[in-house]
Amino acid sequence: MTAPIQDLRDAIALLQQHDNQYLETDHPVDPNAELAGVYRHIGAGGTVKRPTRIGPAMMFNNIKGYPHSRILVGMHASRQRPRCCWAAKPRSWPLKWVRQ
């Protein structure tokens, strides 16, 4: 059994152990003009128009105009990611969250 998730760093470390759940880039990205477009291309799709692909959570490590800042997108873009972090079975994860 894995250790419980205590913070975002723990959750990211857990996602890194699962295929196709986490992607990281050091390529410079403009948060106003590029970031959403890059993530949409990777597989985010959006929340309005369905069906969309479910892409990985993605960490942008090099944000233009914001030195020493990072942006994480898509952490909760699928039901599988929170379920993975809570180590819950598909039908029980909402109940596990409510009981905590």
Protein backbone atom coordinates (compact mmCIF):
# COMPACT_ATOMS: atom_id res chain seq x y z
CA MET A 1 0.00 0.00 0.00
CA THR A 2 1.33 3.46 -0.87
CA ALA A 3 1.69 6.27 1.64
CA PRO A 4 -1.31 8.62 1.83
CA ILE A 5 -1.24 11.77 -0.25
CA GLN A 6 -0.42 14.73 1.99
CA ASP A 7 0.03 17.53 -0.56
CA LEU A 8 0.24 18.36 -4.26
CA ARG A 9 3.86 17.20 -4.47
CA ASP A 10 2.83 13.74 -3.25
CA ALA A 11 0.00 13.61 -5.78
CA ILE A 12 2.32 14.59 -8.64
CA ALA A 13 4.90 11.99 -7.57
CA LEU A 14 2.19 9.33 -7.62
CA LEU A 15 0.94 10.37 -11.06
CA GLN A 16 4.50 10.18 -12.41
CA GLN A 17 4.46 6.46 -11.62
CA HIS A 18 1.44 5.86 -13.91
CA ASP A 19 1.67 5.80 -17.70
CA ASN A 20 -0.04 8.62 -19.59
CA GLN A 21 -1.12 10.49 -16.43
CA TYR A 22 1.57 13.19 -16.18
CA LEU A 23 3.64 15.23 -18.61
CA GLU A 24 6.23 17.90 -17.86
CA THR A 25 7.92 20.46 -20.10
CA ASP A 26 10.72 23.00 -19.68
CA HIS A 27 9.91 24.69 -23.00
CA PRO A 28 9.10 28.42 -22.46
CA VAL A 29 5.37 29.10 -22.70
CA ASP A 30 3.38 32.34 -22.65
CA PRO A 31 0.57 31.98 -20.08
CA ASN A 32 -1.66 34.45 -21.93
CA ALA A 33 -1.31 33.24 -25.50
CA GLU A 34 0.07 29.70 -25.57
CA LEU A 35 -0.53 27.67 -22.44
CA ALA A 36 -4.20 26.78 -23.00
CA GLY A 37 -3.57 26.02 -26.67
CA VAL A 38 -0.65 23.73 -25.87
CA TYR A 39 -2.66 21.85 -23.27
CA ARG A 40 -5.65 21.55 -25.58
CA HIS A 41 -3.38 20.06 -28.26
CA ILE A 42 -1.98 17.54 -25.76
CA GLY A 43 -5.43 16.23 -25.05
CA ALA A 44 -7.40 18.42 -22.69
CA GLY A 45 -10.11 19.13 -25.21
CA GLY A 46 -12.19 21.33 -22.95
CA THR A 47 -15.22 21.00 -20.74
CA VAL A 48 -18.00 22.19 -23.05
CA LYS A 49 -17.75 20.37 -26.37
CA ARG A 50 -17.97 16.58 -26.07
CA PRO A 51 -16.60 14.09 -26.78
CA THR A 52 -13.08 15.20 -25.97
CA ARG A 53 -9.87 13.36 -25.32
CA ILE A 54 -8.58 13.09 -21.78
CA GLY A 55 -4.96 14.13 -21.74
CA PRO A 56 -2.42 13.90 -18.95
CA ALA A 57 -1.95 16.40 -16.16
CA MET A 58 0.76 18.74 -17.42
CA MET A 59 3.38 20.81 -15.59
CA PHE A 60 4.78 23.86 -17.37
CA ASN A 61 8.13 24.68 -15.72
CA ASN A 62 9.15 27.75 -17.75
CA ILE A 63 6.50 30.50 -17.75
CA LYS A 64 7.41 33.59 -19.80
CA GLY A 65 7.38 36.70 -17.60
CA TYR A 66 7.15 34.71 -14.37
CA PRO A 67 10.59 33.46 -13.35
CA HIS A 68 10.67 30.65 -10.76
CA SER A 69 6.97 29.91 -11.36
CA ARG A 70 5.31 26.77 -12.65
CA ILE A 71 1.76 26.00 -13.74
CA LEU A 72 0.02 22.65 -13.36
CA VAL A 73 -3.06 22.04 -15.52
CA GLY A 74 -5.39 19.09 -15.82
CA MET A 75 -4.85 17.65 -12.36
CA HIS A 76 -8.56 16.85 -12.06
CA ALA A 77 -9.37 16.54 -15.78
CA SER A 78 -10.32 12.89 -15.46
CA ARG A 79 -11.98 10.74 -12.85
CA GLN A 80 -9.04 8.36 -12.92
CA ARG A 81 -6.54 10.87 -11.48
CA PRO A 82 -8.28 11.62 -8.18
CA ARG A 83 -9.16 7.93 -7.90
CA CYS A 84 -5.48 7.08 -8.39
CA CYS A 85 -4.44 9.55 -5.70
CA TRP A 86 -7.02 8.23 -3.24
CA ALA A 87 -6.27 4.58 -4.10
CA ALA A 88 -9.99 3.95 -4.41
CA LYS A 89 -11.97 1.52 -6.52
CA PRO A 90 -14.02 3.10 -9.34
CA ARG A 91 -17.43 2.94 -7.64
CA SER A 92 -16.23 3.79 -4.12
CA TRP A 93 -14.13 6.91 -4.66
CA PRO A 94 -16.90 9.50 -4.02
CA LEU A 95 -17.83 7.74 -0.77
CA LYS A 96 -14.20 7.54 0.32
CA TRP A 97 -13.84 11.29 -0.23
CA VAL A 98 -17.02 12.10 1.73
CA ARG A 99 -15.95 9.94 4.68
CA GLN A 100 -12.56 11.63 5.07
